[in-house]
mmCIF file of all heavy atoms, coordinates in Angstrom:
data_MODEL
# 
_entry.id   MODEL 
# 
loop_
_atom_site.group_PDB 
_atom_site.id 
_atom_site.type_symbol 
_atom_site.label_atom_id 
_atom_site.label_alt_id 
_atom_site.label_comp_id 
_atom_site.label_asym_id 
_atom_site.label_entity_id 
_atom_site.label_seq_id 
_atom_site.pdbx_PDB_ins_code 
_atom_site.Cartn_x 
_atom_site.Cartn_y 
_atom_site.Cartn_z 
_atom_site.occupancy 
_atom_site.B_iso_or_equiv 
_atom_site.pdbx_formal_charge 
_atom_site.auth_seq_id 
_atom_site.auth_comp_id 
_atom_site.auth_asym_id 
_atom_site.auth_atom_id 
_atom_site.pdbx_PDB_model_num 
ATOM 1   N N   . MET A 1 1  ? 113.592 104.594 110.810 1.00 0.00 ? 1  MET A N   1 
ATOM 2   C CA  . MET A 1 1  ? 113.538 104.138 109.421 1.00 0.00 ? 1  MET A CA  1 
ATOM 3   C C   . MET A 1 1  ? 112.265 104.635 108.729 1.00 0.00 ? 1  MET A C   1 
ATOM 4   O O   . MET A 1 1  ? 112.295 105.029 107.556 1.00 0.00 ? 1  MET A O   1 
ATOM 5   C CB  . MET A 1 1  ? 113.608 102.615 109.381 1.00 0.00 ? 1  MET A CB  1 
ATOM 6   C CG  . MET A 1 1  ? 113.863 102.052 108.006 1.00 0.00 ? 1  MET A CG  1 
ATOM 7   S SD  . MET A 1 1  ? 113.992 100.245 108.050 1.00 0.00 ? 1  MET A SD  1 
ATOM 8   C CE  . MET A 1 1  ? 114.598 99.947  106.375 1.00 0.00 ? 1  MET A CE  1 
ATOM 9   N N   . GLN A 1 2  ? 111.151 104.617 109.462 1.00 0.00 ? 2  GLN A N   1 
ATOM 10  C CA  . GLN A 1 2  ? 109.894 105.125 108.899 1.00 0.00 ? 2  GLN A CA  1 
ATOM 11  C C   . GLN A 1 2  ? 110.017 106.604 108.553 1.00 0.00 ? 2  GLN A C   1 
ATOM 12  O O   . GLN A 1 2  ? 109.524 107.053 107.505 1.00 0.00 ? 2  GLN A O   1 
ATOM 13  C CB  . GLN A 1 2  ? 108.749 104.913 109.887 1.00 0.00 ? 2  GLN A CB  1 
ATOM 14  C CG  . GLN A 1 2  ? 107.390 105.418 109.392 1.00 0.00 ? 2  GLN A CG  1 
ATOM 15  C CD  . GLN A 1 2  ? 106.864 104.608 108.226 1.00 0.00 ? 2  GLN A CD  1 
ATOM 16  O OE1 . GLN A 1 2  ? 106.537 103.442 108.371 1.00 0.00 ? 2  GLN A OE1 1 
ATOM 17  N NE2 . GLN A 1 2  ? 106.781 105.232 107.053 1.00 0.00 ? 2  GLN A NE2 1 
ATOM 18  N N   . GLU A 1 3  ? 110.686 107.361 109.417 1.00 0.00 ? 3  GLU A N   1 
ATOM 19  C CA  . GLU A 1 3  ? 110.872 108.787 109.139 1.00 0.00 ? 3  GLU A CA  1 
ATOM 20  C C   . GLU A 1 3  ? 111.666 109.005 107.865 1.00 0.00 ? 3  GLU A C   1 
ATOM 21  O O   . GLU A 1 3  ? 111.335 109.861 107.040 1.00 0.00 ? 3  GLU A O   1 
ATOM 22  C CB  . GLU A 1 3  ? 111.563 109.437 110.345 1.00 0.00 ? 3  GLU A CB  1 
ATOM 23  C CG  . GLU A 1 3  ? 111.710 110.941 110.260 1.00 0.00 ? 3  GLU A CG  1 
ATOM 24  C CD  . GLU A 1 3  ? 112.984 111.378 109.529 1.00 0.00 ? 3  GLU A CD  1 
ATOM 25  O OE1 . GLU A 1 3  ? 113.948 110.594 109.539 1.00 0.00 ? 3  GLU A OE1 1 
ATOM 26  O OE2 . GLU A 1 3  ? 112.993 112.477 108.941 1.00 0.00 ? 3  GLU A OE2 1 
ATOM 27  N N   . ARG A 1 4  ? 112.751 108.231 107.689 1.00 0.00 ? 4  ARG A N   1 
ATOM 28  C CA  . ARG A 1 4  ? 113.555 108.337 106.465 1.00 0.00 ? 4  ARG A CA  1 
ATOM 29  C C   . ARG A 1 4  ? 112.739 107.931 105.241 1.00 0.00 ? 4  ARG A C   1 
ATOM 30  O O   . ARG A 1 4  ? 112.837 108.544 104.168 1.00 0.00 ? 4  ARG A O   1 
ATOM 31  C CB  . ARG A 1 4  ? 114.795 107.446 106.566 1.00 0.00 ? 4  ARG A CB  1 
ATOM 32  C CG  . ARG A 1 4  ? 115.704 107.700 107.753 1.00 0.00 ? 4  ARG A CG  1 
ATOM 33  C CD  . ARG A 1 4  ? 116.509 108.979 107.630 1.00 0.00 ? 4  ARG A CD  1 
ATOM 34  N NE  . ARG A 1 4  ? 117.641 108.968 108.547 1.00 0.00 ? 4  ARG A NE  1 
ATOM 35  C CZ  . ARG A 1 4  ? 117.598 109.330 109.830 1.00 0.00 ? 4  ARG A CZ  1 
ATOM 36  N NH1 . ARG A 1 4  ? 116.458 109.740 110.358 1.00 0.00 ? 4  ARG A NH1 1 
ATOM 37  N NH2 . ARG A 1 4  ? 118.684 109.285 110.579 1.00 0.00 ? 4  ARG A NH2 1 
ATOM 38  N N   . LEU A 1 5  ? 111.948 106.885 105.393 1.00 0.00 ? 5  LEU A N   1 
ATOM 39  C CA  . LEU A 1 5  ? 111.134 106.375 104.294 1.00 0.00 ? 5  LEU A CA  1 
ATOM 40  C C   . LEU A 1 5  ? 110.050 107.371 103.899 1.00 0.00 ? 5  LEU A C   1 
ATOM 41  O O   . LEU A 1 5  ? 109.810 107.626 102.707 1.00 0.00 ? 5  LEU A O   1 
ATOM 42  C CB  . LEU A 1 5  ? 110.508 105.041 104.711 1.00 0.00 ? 5  LEU A CB  1 
ATOM 43  C CG  . LEU A 1 5  ? 109.864 104.151 103.659 1.00 0.00 ? 5  LEU A CG  1 
ATOM 44  C CD1 . LEU A 1 5  ? 110.839 103.813 102.552 1.00 0.00 ? 5  LEU A CD1 1 
ATOM 45  C CD2 . LEU A 1 5  ? 109.339 102.873 104.311 1.00 0.00 ? 5  LEU A CD2 1 
ATOM 46  N N   . SER A 1 6  ? 109.416 107.979 104.892 1.00 0.00 ? 6  SER A N   1 
ATOM 47  C CA  . SER A 1 6  ? 108.337 108.936 104.634 1.00 0.00 ? 6  SER A CA  1 
ATOM 48  C C   . SER A 1 6  ? 108.842 110.202 103.955 1.00 0.00 ? 6  SER A C   1 
ATOM 49  O O   . SER A 1 6  ? 108.077 110.901 103.282 1.00 0.00 ? 6  SER A O   1 
ATOM 50  C CB  . SER A 1 6  ? 107.632 109.300 105.943 1.00 0.00 ? 6  SER A CB  1 
ATOM 51  O OG  . SER A 1 6  ? 107.019 108.164 106.512 1.00 0.00 ? 6  SER A OG  1 
ATOM 52  N N   . ALA A 1 7  ? 110.127 110.499 104.140 1.00 0.00 ? 7  ALA A N   1 
ATOM 53  C CA  . ALA A 1 7  ? 110.706 111.671 103.479 1.00 0.00 ? 7  ALA A CA  1 
ATOM 54  C C   . ALA A 1 7  ? 110.844 111.435 101.977 1.00 0.00 ? 7  ALA A C   1 
ATOM 55  O O   . ALA A 1 7  ? 110.968 112.394 101.199 1.00 0.00 ? 7  ALA A O   1 
ATOM 56  C CB  . ALA A 1 7  ? 112.064 111.992 104.084 1.00 0.00 ? 7  ALA A CB  1 
ATOM 57  N N   . LEU A 1 8  ? 110.822 110.174 101.558 1.00 0.00 ? 8  LEU A N   1 
ATOM 58  C CA  . LEU A 1 8  ? 110.989 109.827 100.145 1.00 0.00 ? 8  LEU A CA  1 
ATOM 59  C C   . LEU A 1 8  ? 109.672 109.554 99.439  1.00 0.00 ? 8  LEU A C   1 
ATOM 60  O O   . LEU A 1 8  ? 109.509 109.865 98.258  1.00 0.00 ? 8  LEU A O   1 
ATOM 61  C CB  . LEU A 1 8  ? 111.901 108.601 100.007 1.00 0.00 ? 8  LEU A CB  1 
ATOM 62  C CG  . LEU A 1 8  ? 113.332 108.745 100.527 1.00 0.00 ? 8  LEU A CG  1 
ATOM 63  C CD1 . LEU A 1 8  ? 114.075 107.419 100.404 1.00 0.00 ? 8  LEU A CD1 1 
ATOM 64  C CD2 . LEU A 1 8  ? 114.066 109.841 99.750  1.00 0.00 ? 8  LEU A CD2 1 
ATOM 65  N N   . ARG A 1 9  ? 108.717 108.958 100.172 1.00 0.00 ? 9  ARG A N   1 
ATOM 66  C CA  . ARG A 1 9  ? 107.434 108.608 99.563  1.00 0.00 ? 9  ARG A CA  1 
ATOM 67  C C   . ARG A 1 9  ? 106.381 108.463 100.658 1.00 0.00 ? 9  ARG A C   1 
ATOM 68  O O   . ARG A 1 9  ? 106.701 108.162 101.805 1.00 0.00 ? 9  ARG A O   1 
ATOM 69  C CB  . ARG A 1 9  ? 107.553 107.327 98.731  1.00 0.00 ? 9  ARG A CB  1 
ATOM 70  C CG  . ARG A 1 9  ? 108.183 106.161 99.457  1.00 0.00 ? 9  ARG A CG  1 
ATOM 71  C CD  . ARG A 1 9  ? 108.606 105.057 98.501  1.00 0.00 ? 9  ARG A CD  1 
ATOM 72  N NE  . ARG A 1 9  ? 107.477 104.472 97.779  1.00 0.00 ? 9  ARG A NE  1 
ATOM 73  C CZ  . ARG A 1 9  ? 107.617 103.597 96.784  1.00 0.00 ? 9  ARG A CZ  1 
ATOM 74  N NH1 . ARG A 1 9  ? 108.835 103.231 96.375  1.00 0.00 ? 9  ARG A NH1 1 
ATOM 75  N NH2 . ARG A 1 9  ? 106.562 103.105 96.173  1.00 0.00 ? 9  ARG A NH2 1 
ATOM 76  N N   . ASN A 1 10 ? 105.127 108.660 100.285 1.00 0.00 ? 10 ASN A N   1 
ATOM 77  C CA  . ASN A 1 10 ? 104.060 108.672 101.293 1.00 0.00 ? 10 ASN A CA  1 
ATOM 78  C C   . ASN A 1 10 ? 103.193 107.413 101.261 1.00 0.00 ? 10 ASN A C   1 
ATOM 79  O O   . ASN A 1 10 ? 102.125 107.388 101.864 1.00 0.00 ? 10 ASN A O   1 
ATOM 80  C CB  . ASN A 1 10 ? 103.169 109.907 101.105 1.00 0.00 ? 10 ASN A CB  1 
ATOM 81  C CG  . ASN A 1 10 ? 102.509 109.939 99.729  1.00 0.00 ? 10 ASN A CG  1 
ATOM 82  O OD1 . ASN A 1 10 ? 102.641 108.997 98.940  1.00 0.00 ? 10 ASN A OD1 1 
ATOM 83  N ND2 . ASN A 1 10 ? 101.809 111.022 99.436  1.00 0.00 ? 10 ASN A ND2 1 
ATOM 84  N N   . ASP A 1 11 ? 103.677 106.376 100.576 1.00 0.00 ? 11 ASP A N   1 
ATOM 85  C CA  . ASP A 1 11 ? 102.856 105.173 100.426 1.00 0.00 ? 11 ASP A CA  1 
ATOM 86  C C   . ASP A 1 11 ? 103.478 103.937 101.083 1.00 0.00 ? 11 ASP A C   1 
ATOM 87  O O   . ASP A 1 11 ? 102.967 102.822 100.920 1.00 0.00 ? 11 ASP A O   1 
ATOM 88  C CB  . ASP A 1 11 ? 102.625 104.871 98.948  1.00 0.00 ? 11 ASP A CB  1 
ATOM 89  C CG  . ASP A 1 11 ? 103.919 104.559 98.199  1.00 0.00 ? 11 ASP A CG  1 
ATOM 90  O OD1 . ASP A 1 11 ? 105.002 104.968 98.683  1.00 0.00 ? 11 ASP A OD1 1 
ATOM 91  O OD2 . ASP A 1 11 ? 103.855 103.896 97.150  1.00 0.00 ? 11 ASP A OD2 1 
ATOM 92  N N   . ALA A 1 12 ? 104.573 104.106 101.818 1.00 0.00 ? 12 ALA A N   1 
ATOM 93  C CA  . ALA A 1 12 ? 105.281 102.961 102.397 1.00 0.00 ? 12 ALA A CA  1 
ATOM 94  C C   . ALA A 1 12 ? 105.280 103.059 103.920 1.00 0.00 ? 12 ALA A C   1 
ATOM 95  O O   . ALA A 1 12 ? 105.613 104.104 104.490 1.00 0.00 ? 12 ALA A O   1 
ATOM 96  C CB  . ALA A 1 12 ? 106.709 102.900 101.867 1.00 0.00 ? 12 ALA A CB  1 
ATOM 97  N N   . PHE A 1 13 ? 104.928 101.935 104.573 1.00 0.00 ? 13 PHE A N   1 
ATOM 98  C CA  . PHE A 1 13 ? 104.785 101.917 106.020 1.00 0.00 ? 13 PHE A CA  1 
ATOM 99  C C   . PHE A 1 13 ? 105.435 100.650 106.593 1.00 0.00 ? 13 PHE A C   1 
ATOM 100 O O   . PHE A 1 13 ? 105.357 99.573  106.008 1.00 0.00 ? 13 PHE A O   1 
ATOM 101 C CB  . PHE A 1 13 ? 103.307 101.957 106.421 1.00 0.00 ? 13 PHE A CB  1 
ATOM 102 C CG  . PHE A 1 13 ? 102.550 103.109 105.816 1.00 0.00 ? 13 PHE A CG  1 
ATOM 103 C CD1 . PHE A 1 13 ? 101.887 102.962 104.604 1.00 0.00 ? 13 PHE A CD1 1 
ATOM 104 C CD2 . PHE A 1 13 ? 102.510 104.342 106.453 1.00 0.00 ? 13 PHE A CD2 1 
ATOM 105 C CE1 . PHE A 1 13 ? 101.189 104.018 104.038 1.00 0.00 ? 13 PHE A CE1 1 
ATOM 106 C CE2 . PHE A 1 13 ? 101.817 105.415 105.902 1.00 0.00 ? 13 PHE A CE2 1 
ATOM 107 C CZ  . PHE A 1 13 ? 101.155 105.252 104.678 1.00 0.00 ? 13 PHE A CZ  1 
ATOM 108 N N   . ILE A 1 14 ? 106.051 100.810 107.761 1.00 0.00 ? 14 ILE A N   1 
ATOM 109 C CA  . ILE A 1 14 ? 106.697 99.689  108.446 1.00 0.00 ? 14 ILE A CA  1 
ATOM 110 C C   . ILE A 1 14 ? 105.837 99.259  109.621 1.00 0.00 ? 14 ILE A C   1 
ATOM 111 O O   . ILE A 1 14 ? 105.332 100.098 110.375 1.00 0.00 ? 14 ILE A O   1 
ATOM 112 C CB  . ILE A 1 14 ? 108.098 100.095 108.946 1.00 0.00 ? 14 ILE A CB  1 
ATOM 113 C CG1 . ILE A 1 14 ? 108.996 100.471 107.767 1.00 0.00 ? 14 ILE A CG1 1 
ATOM 114 C CG2 . ILE A 1 14 ? 108.731 98.974  109.766 1.00 0.00 ? 14 ILE A CG2 1 
ATOM 115 C CD1 . ILE A 1 14 ? 110.298 101.135 108.174 1.00 0.00 ? 14 ILE A CD1 1 
ATOM 116 N N   . TYR A 1 15 ? 105.647 97.958  109.755 1.00 0.00 ? 15 TYR A N   1 
ATOM 117 C CA  . TYR A 1 15 ? 105.007 97.428  110.955 1.00 0.00 ? 15 TYR A CA  1 
ATOM 118 C C   . TYR A 1 15 ? 105.802 96.212  111.424 1.00 0.00 ? 15 TYR A C   1 
ATOM 119 O O   . TYR A 1 15 ? 106.680 95.723  110.708 1.00 0.00 ? 15 TYR A O   1 
ATOM 120 C CB  . TYR A 1 15 ? 103.539 97.071  110.701 1.00 0.00 ? 15 TYR A CB  1 
ATOM 121 C CG  . TYR A 1 15 ? 103.306 95.800  109.917 1.00 0.00 ? 15 TYR A CG  1 
ATOM 122 C CD1 . TYR A 1 15 ? 102.994 94.602  110.564 1.00 0.00 ? 15 TYR A CD1 1 
ATOM 123 C CD2 . TYR A 1 15 ? 103.377 95.793  108.523 1.00 0.00 ? 15 TYR A CD2 1 
ATOM 124 C CE1 . TYR A 1 15 ? 102.765 93.431  109.848 1.00 0.00 ? 15 TYR A CE1 1 
ATOM 125 C CE2 . TYR A 1 15 ? 103.146 94.631  107.805 1.00 0.00 ? 15 TYR A CE2 1 
ATOM 126 C CZ  . TYR A 1 15 ? 102.845 93.451  108.472 1.00 0.00 ? 15 TYR A CZ  1 
ATOM 127 O OH  . TYR A 1 15 ? 102.628 92.292  107.758 1.00 0.00 ? 15 TYR A OH  1 
ATOM 128 N N   . THR A 1 16 ? 105.537 95.755  112.630 1.00 0.00 ? 16 THR A N   1 
ATOM 129 C CA  . THR A 1 16 ? 106.319 94.658  113.199 1.00 0.00 ? 16 THR A CA  1 
ATOM 130 C C   . THR A 1 16 ? 105.420 93.515  113.656 1.00 0.00 ? 16 THR A C   1 
ATOM 131 O O   . THR A 1 16 ? 104.225 93.701  113.916 1.00 0.00 ? 16 THR A O   1 
ATOM 132 C CB  . THR A 1 16 ? 107.154 95.137  114.405 1.00 0.00 ? 16 THR A CB  1 
ATOM 133 O OG1 . THR A 1 16 ? 106.268 95.448  115.486 1.00 0.00 ? 16 THR A OG1 1 
ATOM 134 C CG2 . THR A 1 16 ? 107.993 96.353  114.054 1.00 0.00 ? 16 THR A CG2 1 
ATOM 135 N N   . VAL A 1 17 ? 106.037 92.342  113.777 1.00 0.00 ? 17 VAL A N   1 
ATOM 136 C CA  . VAL A 1 17 ? 105.331 91.170  114.292 1.00 0.00 ? 17 VAL A CA  1 
ATOM 137 C C   . VAL A 1 17 ? 105.349 91.170  115.819 1.00 0.00 ? 17 VAL A C   1 
ATOM 138 O O   . VAL A 1 17 ? 104.358 90.848  116.466 1.00 0.00 ? 17 VAL A O   1 
ATOM 139 C CB  . VAL A 1 17 ? 105.971 89.868  113.771 1.00 0.00 ? 17 VAL A CB  1 
ATOM 140 C CG1 . VAL A 1 17 ? 105.209 88.644  114.276 1.00 0.00 ? 17 VAL A CG1 1 
ATOM 141 C CG2 . VAL A 1 17 ? 106.008 89.856  112.246 1.00 0.00 ? 17 VAL A CG2 1 
ATOM 142 N N   . GLU A 1 18 ? 106.486 91.567  116.396 1.00 0.00 ? 18 GLU A N   1 
ATOM 143 C CA  . GLU A 1 18 ? 106.650 91.462  117.846 1.00 0.00 ? 18 GLU A CA  1 
ATOM 144 C C   . GLU A 1 18 ? 107.112 92.758  118.489 1.00 0.00 ? 18 GLU A C   1 
ATOM 145 O O   . GLU A 1 18 ? 107.763 92.749  119.528 1.00 0.00 ? 18 GLU A O   1 
ATOM 146 C CB  . GLU A 1 18 ? 107.644 90.328  118.171 1.00 0.00 ? 18 GLU A CB  1 
ATOM 147 C CG  . GLU A 1 18 ? 107.180 88.968  117.696 1.00 0.00 ? 18 GLU A CG  1 
ATOM 148 C CD  . GLU A 1 18 ? 108.165 87.855  118.021 1.00 0.00 ? 18 GLU A CD  1 
ATOM 149 O OE1 . GLU A 1 18 ? 109.117 88.111  118.788 1.00 0.00 ? 18 GLU A OE1 1 
ATOM 150 O OE2 . GLU A 1 18 ? 107.987 86.748  117.509 1.00 0.00 ? 18 GLU A OE2 1 
ATOM 151 N N   . GLY A 1 19 ? 106.819 93.875  117.871 1.00 0.00 ? 19 GLY A N   1 
ATOM 152 C CA  . GLY A 1 19 ? 107.223 95.165  118.428 1.00 0.00 ? 19 GLY A CA  1 
ATOM 153 C C   . GLY A 1 19 ? 106.152 96.208  118.185 1.00 0.00 ? 19 GLY A C   1 
ATOM 154 O O   . GLY A 1 19 ? 104.961 95.933  118.265 1.00 0.00 ? 19 GLY A O   1 
ATOM 155 N N   . PHE A 1 20 ? 106.576 97.422  117.871 1.00 0.00 ? 20 PHE A N   1 
ATOM 156 C CA  . PHE A 1 20 ? 105.654 98.517  117.559 1.00 0.00 ? 20 PHE A CA  1 
ATOM 157 C C   . PHE A 1 20 ? 106.195 99.265  116.351 1.00 0.00 ? 20 PHE A C   1 
ATOM 158 O O   . PHE A 1 20 ? 107.413 99.456  116.240 1.00 0.00 ? 20 PHE A O   1 
ATOM 159 C CB  . PHE A 1 20 ? 105.510 99.474  118.750 1.00 0.00 ? 20 PHE A CB  1 
ATOM 160 C CG  . PHE A 1 20 ? 104.574 100.618 118.484 1.00 0.00 ? 20 PHE A CG  1 
ATOM 161 C CD1 . PHE A 1 20 ? 103.213 100.479 118.694 1.00 0.00 ? 20 PHE A CD1 1 
ATOM 162 C CD2 . PHE A 1 20 ? 105.060 101.828 117.988 1.00 0.00 ? 20 PHE A CD2 1 
ATOM 163 C CE1 . PHE A 1 20 ? 102.345 101.534 118.425 1.00 0.00 ? 20 PHE A CE1 1 
ATOM 164 C CE2 . PHE A 1 20 ? 104.195 102.880 117.711 1.00 0.00 ? 20 PHE A CE2 1 
ATOM 165 C CZ  . PHE A 1 20 ? 102.839 102.725 117.940 1.00 0.00 ? 20 PHE A CZ  1 
ATOM 166 N N   . PRO A 1 21 ? 105.277 99.669  115.429 1.00 0.00 ? 21 PRO A N   1 
ATOM 167 C CA  . PRO A 1 21 ? 103.825 99.465  115.457 1.00 0.00 ? 21 PRO A CA  1 
ATOM 168 C C   . PRO A 1 21 ? 103.436 98.063  114.982 1.00 0.00 ? 21 PRO A C   1 
ATOM 169 O O   . PRO A 1 21 ? 104.206 97.406  114.284 1.00 0.00 ? 21 PRO A O   1 
ATOM 170 C CB  . PRO A 1 21 ? 103.317 100.529 114.489 1.00 0.00 ? 21 PRO A CB  1 
ATOM 171 C CG  . PRO A 1 21 ? 104.425 100.684 113.499 1.00 0.00 ? 21 PRO A CG  1 
ATOM 172 C CD  . PRO A 1 21 ? 105.698 100.500 114.286 1.00 0.00 ? 21 PRO A CD  1 
ATOM 173 N N   . ARG A 1 22 ? 102.242 97.623  115.371 1.00 0.00 ? 22 ARG A N   1 
ATOM 174 C CA  . ARG A 1 22 ? 101.681 96.378  114.876 1.00 0.00 ? 22 ARG A CA  1 
ATOM 175 C C   . ARG A 1 22 ? 100.803 96.692  113.675 1.00 0.00 ? 22 ARG A C   1 
ATOM 176 O O   . ARG A 1 22 ? 100.463 97.853  113.402 1.00 0.00 ? 22 ARG A O   1 
ATOM 177 C CB  . ARG A 1 22 ? 100.861 95.678  115.964 1.00 0.00 ? 22 ARG A CB  1 
ATOM 178 C CG  . ARG A 1 22 ? 101.618 95.424  117.256 1.00 0.00 ? 22 ARG A CG  1 
ATOM 179 C CD  . ARG A 1 22 ? 102.767 94.464  117.045 1.00 0.00 ? 22 ARG A CD  1 
ATOM 180 N NE  . ARG A 1 22 ? 102.302 93.091  116.928 1.00 0.00 ? 22 ARG A NE  1 
ATOM 181 C CZ  . ARG A 1 22 ? 102.224 92.236  117.939 1.00 0.00 ? 22 ARG A CZ  1 
ATOM 182 N NH1 . ARG A 1 22 ? 102.577 92.623  119.153 1.00 0.00 ? 22 ARG A NH1 1 
ATOM 183 N NH2 . ARG A 1 22 ? 101.804 91.001  117.749 1.00 0.00 ? 22 ARG A NH2 1 
ATOM 184 N N   . LEU A 1 23 ? 100.418 95.655  112.969 1.00 0.00 ? 23 LEU A N   1 
ATOM 185 C CA  . LEU A 1 23 ? 99.571  95.838  111.791 1.00 0.00 ? 23 LEU A CA  1 
ATOM 186 C C   . LEU A 1 23 ? 98.294  96.593  112.150 1.00 0.00 ? 23 LEU A C   1 
ATOM 187 O O   . LEU A 1 23 ? 97.849  97.487  111.408 1.00 0.00 ? 23 LEU A O   1 
ATOM 188 C CB  . LEU A 1 23 ? 99.224  94.474  111.185 1.00 0.00 ? 23 LEU A CB  1 
ATOM 189 C CG  . LEU A 1 23 ? 98.288  94.481  109.978 1.00 0.00 ? 23 LEU A CG  1 
ATOM 190 C CD1 . LEU A 1 23 ? 98.900  95.261  108.821 1.00 0.00 ? 23 LEU A CD1 1 
ATOM 191 C CD2 . LEU A 1 23 ? 97.948  93.057  109.547 1.00 0.00 ? 23 LEU A CD2 1 
ATOM 192 N N   . GLU A 1 24 ? 97.715  96.268  113.297 1.00 0.00 ? 24 GLU A N   1 
ATOM 193 C CA  . GLU A 1 24 ? 96.463  96.899  113.717 1.00 0.00 ? 24 GLU A CA  1 
ATOM 194 C C   . GLU A 1 24 ? 96.614  98.413  113.875 1.00 0.00 ? 24 GLU A C   1 
ATOM 195 O O   . GLU A 1 24 ? 95.637  99.161  113.716 1.00 0.00 ? 24 GLU A O   1 
ATOM 196 C CB  . GLU A 1 24 ? 95.976  96.283  115.033 1.00 0.00 ? 24 GLU A CB  1 
ATOM 197 C CG  . GLU A 1 24 ? 95.530  94.828  114.924 1.00 0.00 ? 24 GLU A CG  1 
ATOM 198 C CD  . GLU A 1 24 ? 96.699  93.845  114.921 1.00 0.00 ? 24 GLU A CD  1 
ATOM 199 O OE1 . GLU A 1 24 ? 97.872  94.290  115.049 1.00 0.00 ? 24 GLU A OE1 1 
ATOM 200 O OE2 . GLU A 1 24 ? 96.443  92.633  114.782 1.00 0.00 ? 24 GLU A OE2 1 
ATOM 201 N N   . ASN A 1 25 ? 97.806  98.870  114.183 1.00 0.00 ? 25 ASN A N   1 
ATOM 202 C CA  . ASN A 1 25 ? 98.042  100.302 114.347 1.00 0.00 ? 25 ASN A CA  1 
ATOM 203 C C   . ASN A 1 25 ? 98.005  101.057 113.026 1.00 0.00 ? 25 ASN A C   1 
ATOM 204 O O   . ASN A 1 25 ? 97.882  102.285 113.019 1.00 0.00 ? 25 ASN A O   1 
ATOM 205 C CB  . ASN A 1 25 ? 99.400  100.548 115.013 1.00 0.00 ? 25 ASN A CB  1 
ATOM 206 C CG  . ASN A 1 25 ? 99.532  99.904  116.370 1.00 0.00 ? 25 ASN A CG  1 
ATOM 207 O OD1 . ASN A 1 25 ? 100.432 99.107  116.603 1.00 0.00 ? 25 ASN A OD1 1 
ATOM 208 N ND2 . ASN A 1 25 ? 98.630  100.228 117.289 1.00 0.00 ? 25 ASN A ND2 1 
ATOM 209 N N   . LEU A 1 26 ? 98.128  100.334 111.908 1.00 0.00 ? 26 LEU A N   1 
ATOM 210 C CA  . LEU A 1 26 ? 98.211  100.989 110.605 1.00 0.00 ? 26 LEU A CA  1 
ATOM 211 C C   . LEU A 1 26 ? 96.894  100.986 109.830 1.00 0.00 ? 26 LEU A C   1 
ATOM 212 O O   . LEU A 1 26 ? 96.727  101.775 108.899 1.00 0.00 ? 26 LEU A O   1 
ATOM 213 C CB  . LEU A 1 26 ? 99.279  100.309 109.740 1.00 0.00 ? 26 LEU A CB  1 
ATOM 214 C CG  . LEU A 1 26 ? 100.732 100.431 110.206 1.00 0.00 ? 26 LEU A CG  1 
ATOM 215 C CD1 . LEU A 1 26 ? 101.659 99.770  109.186 1.00 0.00 ? 26 LEU A CD1 1 
ATOM 216 C CD2 . LEU A 1 26 ? 101.125 101.886 110.400 1.00 0.00 ? 26 LEU A CD2 1 
ATOM 217 N N   . ILE A 1 27 ? 95.970  100.109 110.186 1.00 0.00 ? 27 ILE A N   1 
ATOM 218 C CA  . ILE A 1 27 ? 94.762  99.942  109.372 1.00 0.00 ? 27 ILE A CA  1 
ATOM 219 C C   . ILE A 1 27 ? 93.956  101.232 109.282 1.00 0.00 ? 27 ILE A C   1 
ATOM 220 O O   . ILE A 1 27 ? 93.524  101.638 108.189 1.00 0.00 ? 27 ILE A O   1 
ATOM 221 C CB  . ILE A 1 27 ? 93.906  98.776  109.902 1.00 0.00 ? 27 ILE A CB  1 
ATOM 222 C CG1 . ILE A 1 27 ? 94.627  97.457  109.625 1.00 0.00 ? 27 ILE A CG1 1 
ATOM 223 C CG2 . ILE A 1 27 ? 92.528  98.771  109.246 1.00 0.00 ? 27 ILE A CG2 1 
ATOM 224 C CD1 . ILE A 1 27 ? 93.920  96.229  110.131 1.00 0.00 ? 27 ILE A CD1 1 
# 
């Protein structure tokens, strides 16, 4: 889903509460 999203815009990112990536991975 992130790959599809990134193909449309460069300002949107997905993170998860109980999976990967976590918020800390994006900071």
